[in-house]
Amino acid sequence: MTKTPDAARRSDRSRRAILDAALALVGEVGYNKLTIEAIAARAGVGKQTIYRWWPSKAAVLLEASLALAGDAEAGAEWAGFPDTGDLAADLKYVLRATVDEFNDEKYEAPARALTAAGATDPELGARFTEQLLEPQLALYEARLRTAREVGQLAPDTDLRLTVEMLLGPLTYRWLLRTAPLTHAYTDALVDGVLGGVANVTAR
């Protein structure tokens, strides 16, 4: 008896092949030269297959980046954001991992491509922020909120501002390549930011 092909499994394989192809190609040719035709050829599918699921190459790359972020989280030692009770250690752990991703070509190329595309495409930029950045920022805020509730941070600490103080300099250095991204840099960043928002009565 001939087994009926599993259409759902075949569809999932094709979708994953397309996302992998988009990530590989953007690293090789950059966002401007990335095309749906090239993605289809690399993935071994028809161009119409891609357009059936995504309206543009930006949408493909965004979903590919979301899948890549999910893979990275699945392989991480911690699920979500660590909470060992030591805020500085937890932040240093996560920022060190972020530096490792920024220095990894597999992550760097699509992240730079999406950042550049989002800067000139407001709709894509909004989706990039909503689907990829905001969930990550929320994890930082949740960890800082816990620290504030137990008195490790000043009661009036602005959580979003503190997150931006941590990630802003890191992103600036990465985007403009003003200096190397190192673990020592992120450790110093955490110490500097927490030195300004720590609850003085808890020191």
C-alpha atoms as a PDB file:
ATOM      1  CA  MET A   1       0.000   0.000   0.000  1.00  0.00           C
ATOM      2  CA  THR A   2       1.430   3.374  -1.043  1.00  0.00           C
ATOM      3  CA  LYS A   3       1.687   5.835   1.818  1.00  0.00           C
ATOM      4  CA  THR A   4      -0.002   9.179   1.187  1.00  0.00           C
ATOM      5  CA  PRO A   5       2.550  12.041   1.253  1.00  0.00           C
ATOM      6  CA  ASP A   6       2.293  14.249   4.306  1.00  0.00           C
ATOM      7  CA  ALA A   7       1.494  17.649   2.792  1.00  0.00           C
ATOM      8  CA  ALA A   8       1.923  19.451   6.094  1.00  0.00           C
ATOM      9  CA  ARG A   9       5.397  18.005   6.625  1.00  0.00           C
ATOM     10  CA  ARG A  10       6.408  18.815   3.054  1.00  0.00           C
ATOM     11  CA  SER A  11       5.085  22.343   3.491  1.00  0.00           C
ATOM     12  CA  ASP A  12       7.044  22.776   6.726  1.00  0.00           C
ATOM     13  CA  ARG A  13      10.237  21.536   5.044  1.00  0.00           C
ATOM     14  CA  SER A  14       9.755  24.001   2.201  1.00  0.00           C
ATOM     15  CA  ARG A  15       9.089  26.870   4.588  1.00  0.00           C
ATOM     16  CA  ARG A  16      12.212  26.090   6.603  1.00  0.00           C
ATOM     17  CA  ALA A  17      14.295  25.777   3.444  1.00  0.00           C
ATOM     18  CA  ILE A  18      13.103  29.213   2.346  1.00  0.00           C
ATOM     19  CA  LEU A  19      13.940  30.804   5.693  1.00  0.00           C
ATOM     20  CA  ASP A  20      17.377  29.173   5.766  1.00  0.00           C
ATOM     21  CA  ALA A  21      18.026  30.307   2.204  1.00  0.00           C
ATOM     22  CA  ALA A  22      17.084  33.894   3.043  1.00  0.00           C
ATOM     23  CA  LEU A  23      19.456  33.958   6.016  1.00  0.00           C
ATOM     24  CA  ALA A  24      22.311  32.440   4.026  1.00  0.00           C
ATOM     25  CA  LEU A  25      21.871  34.741   1.047  1.00  0.00           C
ATOM     26  CA  VAL A  26      21.577  37.971   3.010  1.00  0.00           C
ATOM     27  CA  GLY A  27      24.913  37.117   4.582  1.00  0.00           C
ATOM     28  CA  GLU A  28      26.449  36.528   1.162  1.00  0.00           C
ATOM     29  CA  VAL A  29      25.014  39.354  -0.952  1.00  0.00           C
ATOM     30  CA  GLY A  30      23.439  41.824   1.496  1.00  0.00           C
ATOM     31  CA  TYR A  31      19.858  43.011   1.719  1.00  0.00           C
ATOM     32  CA  ASN A  32      19.832  45.260  -1.369  1.00  0.00           C
ATOM     33  CA  LYS A  33      20.887  42.433  -3.685  1.00  0.00           C
ATOM     34  CA  LEU A  34      18.681  39.839  -2.030  1.00  0.00           C
ATOM     35  CA  THR A  35      15.802  38.767  -4.308  1.00  0.00           C
ATOM     36  CA  ILE A  36      12.833  36.448  -4.072  1.00  0.00           C
ATOM     37  CA  GLU A  37      14.126  34.669  -7.181  1.00  0.00           C
ATOM     38  CA  ALA A  38      17.468  33.953  -5.514  1.00  0.00           C
ATOM     39  CA  ILE A  39      15.787  32.730  -2.335  1.00  0.00           C
ATOM     40  CA  ALA A  40      13.537  30.408  -4.352  1.00  0.00           C
ATOM     41  CA  ALA A  41      16.473  29.010  -6.318  1.00  0.00           C
ATOM     42  CA  ARG A  42      18.543  28.400  -3.170  1.00  0.00           C
ATOM     43  CA  ALA A  43      15.586  26.762  -1.386  1.00  0.00           C
ATOM     44  CA  GLY A  44      14.638  24.637  -4.384  1.00  0.00           C
ATOM     45  CA  VAL A  45      11.077  25.943  -4.600  1.00  0.00           C
ATOM     46  CA  GLY A  46       9.072  27.979  -7.062  1.00  0.00           C
ATOM     47  CA  LYS A  47       8.872  31.747  -6.700  1.00  0.00           C
ATOM     48  CA  GLN A  48       5.103  31.536  -6.330  1.00  0.00           C
ATOM     49  CA  THR A  49       5.532  29.285  -3.301  1.00  0.00           C
ATOM     50  CA  ILE A  50       7.276  32.147  -1.517  1.00  0.00           C
ATOM     51  CA  TYR A  51       4.698  34.720  -2.580  1.00  0.00           C
ATOM     52  CA  ARG A  52       1.934  32.423  -1.326  1.00  0.00           C
ATOM     53  CA  TRP A  53       3.322  32.787   2.207  1.00  0.00           C
ATOM     54  CA  TRP A  54       5.059  36.185   2.225  1.00  0.00           C
ATOM     55  CA  PRO A  55       4.417  39.480   0.414  1.00  0.00           C
ATOM     56  CA  SER A  56       8.063  40.559   0.150  1.00  0.00           C
ATOM     57  CA  LYS A  57      11.676  39.639   0.806  1.00  0.00           C
ATOM     58  CA  ALA A  58      11.563  41.807   3.944  1.00  0.00           C
ATOM     59  CA  ALA A  59       8.728  39.680   5.320  1.00  0.00           C
ATOM     60  CA  VAL A  60      10.676  36.500   4.576  1.00  0.00           C
ATOM     61  CA  LEU A  61      13.756  37.860   6.317  1.00  0.00           C
ATOM     62  CA  LEU A  62      11.748  39.003   9.332  1.00  0.00           C
ATOM     63  CA  GLU A  63      10.233  35.552   9.830  1.00  0.00           C
ATOM     64  CA  ALA A  64      13.637  33.961   9.258  1.00  0.00           C
ATOM     65  CA  SER A  65      15.121  36.191  11.954  1.00  0.00           C
ATOM     66  CA  LEU A  66      12.299  35.320  14.342  1.00  0.00           C
ATOM     67  CA  ALA A  67      12.950  31.614  13.713  1.00  0.00           C
ATOM     68  CA  LEU A  68      16.673  32.159  14.259  1.00  0.00           C
ATOM     69  CA  ALA A  69      15.983  33.938  17.543  1.00  0.00           C
ATOM     70  CA  GLY A  70      13.734  31.055  18.588  1.00  0.00           C
ATOM     71  CA  ASP A  71      16.469  28.545  17.783  1.00  0.00           C
ATOM     72  CA  ALA A  72      18.968  30.555  19.830  1.00  0.00           C
ATOM     73  CA  GLU A  73      16.605  30.702  22.809  1.00  0.00           C
ATOM     74  CA  ALA A  74      15.890  26.972  22.573  1.00  0.00           C
ATOM     75  CA  GLY A  75      19.598  26.258  22.751  1.00  0.00           C
ATOM     76  CA  ALA A  76      20.273  28.649  25.613  1.00  0.00           C
ATOM     77  CA  GLU A  77      21.084  27.496  29.103  1.00  0.00           C
ATOM     78  CA  TRP A  78      18.254  29.613  30.499  1.00  0.00           C
ATOM     79  CA  ALA A  79      14.695  29.805  29.233  1.00  0.00           C
ATOM     80  CA  GLY A  80      13.609  33.428  29.191  1.00  0.00           C
ATOM     81  CA  PHE A  81      15.697  35.706  31.415  1.00  0.00           C
ATOM     82  CA  PRO A  82      17.770  34.300  34.297  1.00  0.00           C
ATOM     83  CA  ASP A  83      16.847  35.287  37.841  1.00  0.00           C
ATOM     84  CA  THR A  84      19.473  34.040  40.257  1.00  0.00           C
ATOM     85  CA  GLY A  85      18.842  36.853  42.715  1.00  0.00           C
ATOM     86  CA  ASP A  86      22.029  38.604  41.556  1.00  0.00           C
ATOM     87  CA  LEU A  87      20.843  41.277  39.110  1.00  0.00           C
ATOM     88  CA  ALA A  88      24.292  42.295  37.914  1.00  0.00           C
ATOM     89  CA  ALA A  89      25.287  38.694  37.219  1.00  0.00           C
ATOM     90  CA  ASP A  90      22.040  38.018  35.344  1.00  0.00           C
ATOM     91  CA  LEU A  91      22.400  41.106  33.154  1.00  0.00           C
ATOM     92  CA  LYS A  92      26.040  40.329  32.424  1.00  0.00           C
ATOM     93  CA  TYR A  93      25.124  36.791  31.451  1.00  0.00           C
ATOM     94  CA  VAL A  94      22.477  37.933  28.961  1.00  0.00           C
ATOM     95  CA  LEU A  95      24.535  40.800  27.520  1.00  0.00           C
ATOM     96  CA  ARG A  96      27.537  38.524  27.057  1.00  0.00           C
ATOM     97  CA  ALA A  97      25.310  36.133  25.111  1.00  0.00           C
ATOM     98  CA  THR A  98      24.053  39.080  23.063  1.00  0.00           C
ATOM     99  CA  VAL A  99      27.617  40.072  22.213  1.00  0.00           C
ATOM    100  CA  ASP A 100      28.343  36.501  21.141  1.00  0.00           C
ATOM    101  CA  GLU A 101      25.369  36.647  18.763  1.00  0.00           C
ATOM    102  CA  PHE A 102      26.356  40.054  17.390  1.00  0.00           C
ATOM    103  CA  ASN A 103      29.844  38.659  16.691  1.00  0.00           C
ATOM    104  CA  ASP A 104      28.453  35.549  14.990  1.00  0.00           C
ATOM    105  CA  GLU A 105      28.049  35.976  11.212  1.00  0.00           C
ATOM    106  CA  LYS A 106      24.978  33.749  11.255  1.00  0.00           C
ATOM    107  CA  TYR A 107      23.135  36.315  13.390  1.00  0.00           C
ATOM    108  CA  GLU A 108      24.913  39.511  12.412  1.00  0.00           C
ATOM    109  CA  ALA A 109      24.086  39.635   8.704  1.00  0.00           C
ATOM    110  CA  PRO A 110      20.286  39.261   8.987  1.00  0.00           C
ATOM    111  CA  ALA A 111      20.182  41.573  12.010  1.00  0.00           C
ATOM    112  CA  ARG A 112      22.062  44.304  10.138  1.00  0.00           C
ATOM    113  CA  ALA A 113      19.913  43.767   7.040  1.00  0.00           C
ATOM    114  CA  LEU A 114      16.664  44.071   8.991  1.00  0.00           C
ATOM    115  CA  THR A 115      17.918  47.106  10.898  1.00  0.00           C
ATOM    116  CA  ALA A 116      18.881  48.860   7.659  1.00  0.00           C
ATOM    117  CA  ALA A 117      15.647  47.935   5.892  1.00  0.00           C
ATOM    118  CA  GLY A 118      13.526  48.958   8.863  1.00  0.00           C
ATOM    119  CA  ALA A 119      15.182  52.369   8.942  1.00  0.00           C
ATOM    120  CA  THR A 120      13.861  53.168   5.457  1.00  0.00           C
ATOM    121  CA  ASP A 121      10.628  51.134   5.530  1.00  0.00           C
ATOM    122  CA  PRO A 122       8.409  52.392   8.394  1.00  0.00           C
ATOM    123  CA  GLU A 123       5.981  49.464   8.145  1.00  0.00           C
ATOM    124  CA  LEU A 124       8.753  46.882   8.284  1.00  0.00           C
ATOM    125  CA  GLY A 125      10.453  48.823  11.074  1.00  0.00           C
ATOM    126  CA  ALA A 126       7.258  48.769  13.121  1.00  0.00           C
ATOM    127  CA  ARG A 127       6.831  45.010  12.601  1.00  0.00           C
ATOM    128  CA  PHE A 128      10.496  44.402  13.426  1.00  0.00           C
ATOM    129  CA  THR A 129      10.098  46.345  16.667  1.00  0.00           C
ATOM    130  CA  GLU A 130       6.790  44.728  17.613  1.00  0.00           C
ATOM    131  CA  GLN A 131       7.653  41.118  16.820  1.00  0.00           C
ATOM    132  CA  LEU A 132      11.375  40.885  17.545  1.00  0.00           C
ATOM    133  CA  LEU A 133      12.559  43.752  19.730  1.00  0.00           C
ATOM    134  CA  GLU A 134       9.668  44.400  22.111  1.00  0.00           C
ATOM    135  CA  PRO A 135       9.452  40.809  23.423  1.00  0.00           C
ATOM    136  CA  GLN A 136      13.184  40.965  24.216  1.00  0.00           C
ATOM    137  CA  LEU A 137      12.912  44.369  25.875  1.00  0.00           C
ATOM    138  CA  ALA A 138       9.995  43.093  27.945  1.00  0.00           C
ATOM    139  CA  LEU A 139      12.206  40.346  29.384  1.00  0.00           C
ATOM    140  CA  TYR A 140      14.733  42.946  30.546  1.00  0.00           C
ATOM    141  CA  GLU A 141      11.985  45.072  32.050  1.00  0.00           C
ATOM    142  CA  ALA A 142      10.477  42.104  33.892  1.00  0.00           C
ATOM    143  CA  ARG A 143      13.844  41.223  35.447  1.00  0.00           C
ATOM    144  CA  LEU A 144      14.461  44.838  36.470  1.00  0.00           C
ATOM    145  CA  ARG A 145      10.942  45.071  37.909  1.00  0.00           C
ATOM    146  CA  THR A 146      11.644  42.082  40.133  1.00  0.00           C
ATOM    147  CA  ALA A 147      14.872  43.728  41.307  1.00  0.00           C
ATOM    148  CA  ARG A 148      13.023  46.958  42.042  1.00  0.00           C
ATOM    149  CA  GLU A 149      10.335  45.117  44.007  1.00  0.00           C
ATOM    150  CA  VAL A 150      12.924  43.507  46.292  1.00  0.00           C
ATOM    151  CA  GLY A 151      14.710  46.795  46.861  1.00  0.00           C
ATOM    152  CA  GLN A 152      17.772  46.285  44.669  1.00  0.00           C
ATOM    153  CA  LEU A 153      16.848  49.307  42.541  1.00  0.00           C
ATOM    154  CA  ALA A 154      15.607  52.696  43.616  1.00  0.00           C
ATOM    155  CA  PRO A 155      11.777  52.797  43.884  1.00  0.00           C
ATOM    156  CA  ASP A 156      11.501  55.485  41.192  1.00  0.00           C
ATOM    157  CA  THR A 157      13.708  53.654  38.660  1.00  0.00           C
ATOM    158  CA  ASP A 158      12.406  54.058  35.108  1.00  0.00           C
ATOM    159  CA  LEU A 159      12.589  50.489  33.816  1.00  0.00           C
ATOM    160  CA  ARG A 160      12.423  51.204  30.080  1.00  0.00           C
ATOM    161  CA  LEU A 161      15.007  53.963  30.391  1.00  0.00           C
ATOM    162  CA  THR A 162      17.321  51.599  32.272  1.00  0.00           C
ATOM    163  CA  VAL A 163      16.932  48.958  29.559  1.00  0.00           C
ATOM    164  CA  GLU A 164      17.774  51.559  26.919  1.00  0.00           C
ATOM    165  CA  MET A 165      20.803  52.665  28.930  1.00  0.00           C
ATOM    166  CA  LEU A 166      22.024  49.064  28.844  1.00  0.00           C
ATOM    167  CA  LEU A 167      21.261  48.248  25.217  1.00  0.00           C
ATOM    168  CA  GLY A 168      21.698  51.646  23.578  1.00  0.00           C
ATOM    169  CA  PRO A 169      25.503  51.853  23.871  1.00  0.00           C
ATOM    170  CA  LEU A 170      25.836  48.187  22.911  1.00  0.00           C
ATOM    171  CA  THR A 171      23.734  48.629  19.779  1.00  0.00           C
ATOM    172  CA  TYR A 172      25.553  51.864  18.879  1.00  0.00           C
ATOM    173  CA  ARG A 173      28.946  50.179  19.094  1.00  0.00           C
ATOM    174  CA  TRP A 174      27.703  47.241  17.036  1.00  0.00           C
ATOM    175  CA  LEU A 175      25.989  49.274  14.323  1.00  0.00           C
ATOM    176  CA  LEU A 176      28.764  51.801  13.809  1.00  0.00           C
ATOM    177  CA  ARG A 177      31.653  49.462  14.638  1.00  0.00           C
ATOM    178  CA  THR A 178      33.221  52.146  16.816  1.00  0.00           C
ATOM    179  CA  ALA A 179      35.074  49.537  18.903  1.00  0.00           C
ATOM    180  CA  PRO A 180      35.139  45.778  19.468  1.00  0.00           C
ATOM    181  CA  LEU A 181      32.230  44.135  21.267  1.00  0.00           C
ATOM    182  CA  THR A 182      33.633  42.198  24.217  1.00  0.00           C
ATOM    183  CA  HIS A 183      32.436  40.639  27.426  1.00  0.00           C
ATOM    184  CA  ALA A 184      34.555  43.124  29.341  1.00  0.00           C
ATOM    185  CA  TYR A 185      32.661  45.965  27.679  1.00  0.00           C
ATOM    186  CA  THR A 186      29.234  44.590  28.596  1.00  0.00           C
ATOM    187  CA  ASP A 187      30.362  43.892  32.165  1.00  0.00           C
ATOM    188  CA  ALA A 188      31.526  47.497  32.507  1.00  0.00           C
ATOM    189  CA  LEU A 189      28.249  48.690  30.982  1.00  0.00           C
ATOM    190  CA  VAL A 190      26.189  46.763  33.526  1.00  0.00           C
ATOM    191  CA  ASP A 191      28.291  48.032  36.426  1.00  0.00           C
ATOM    192  CA  GLY A 192      28.031  51.619  35.197  1.00  0.00           C
ATOM    193  CA  VAL A 193      24.266  51.565  34.661  1.00  0.00           C
ATOM    194  CA  LEU A 194      23.452  49.764  37.891  1.00  0.00           C
ATOM    195  CA  GLY A 195      25.712  52.149  39.774  1.00  0.00           C
ATOM    196  CA  GLY A 196      23.340  54.916  38.778  1.00  0.00           C
ATOM    197  CA  VAL A 197      20.020  53.224  39.554  1.00  0.00           C
ATOM    198  CA  ALA A 198      20.845  50.982  42.518  1.00  0.00           C
ATOM    199  CA  ASN A 199      18.963  51.618  45.746  1.00  0.00           C
ATOM    200  CA  VAL A 200      21.542  53.419  47.899  1.00  0.00           C
ATOM    201  CA  THR A 201      20.025  51.946  51.058  1.00  0.00           C
ATOM    202  CA  ALA A 202      20.678  48.444  49.712  1.00  0.00           C
ATOM    203  CA  ARG A 203      24.336  49.039  48.925  1.00  0.00           C
END
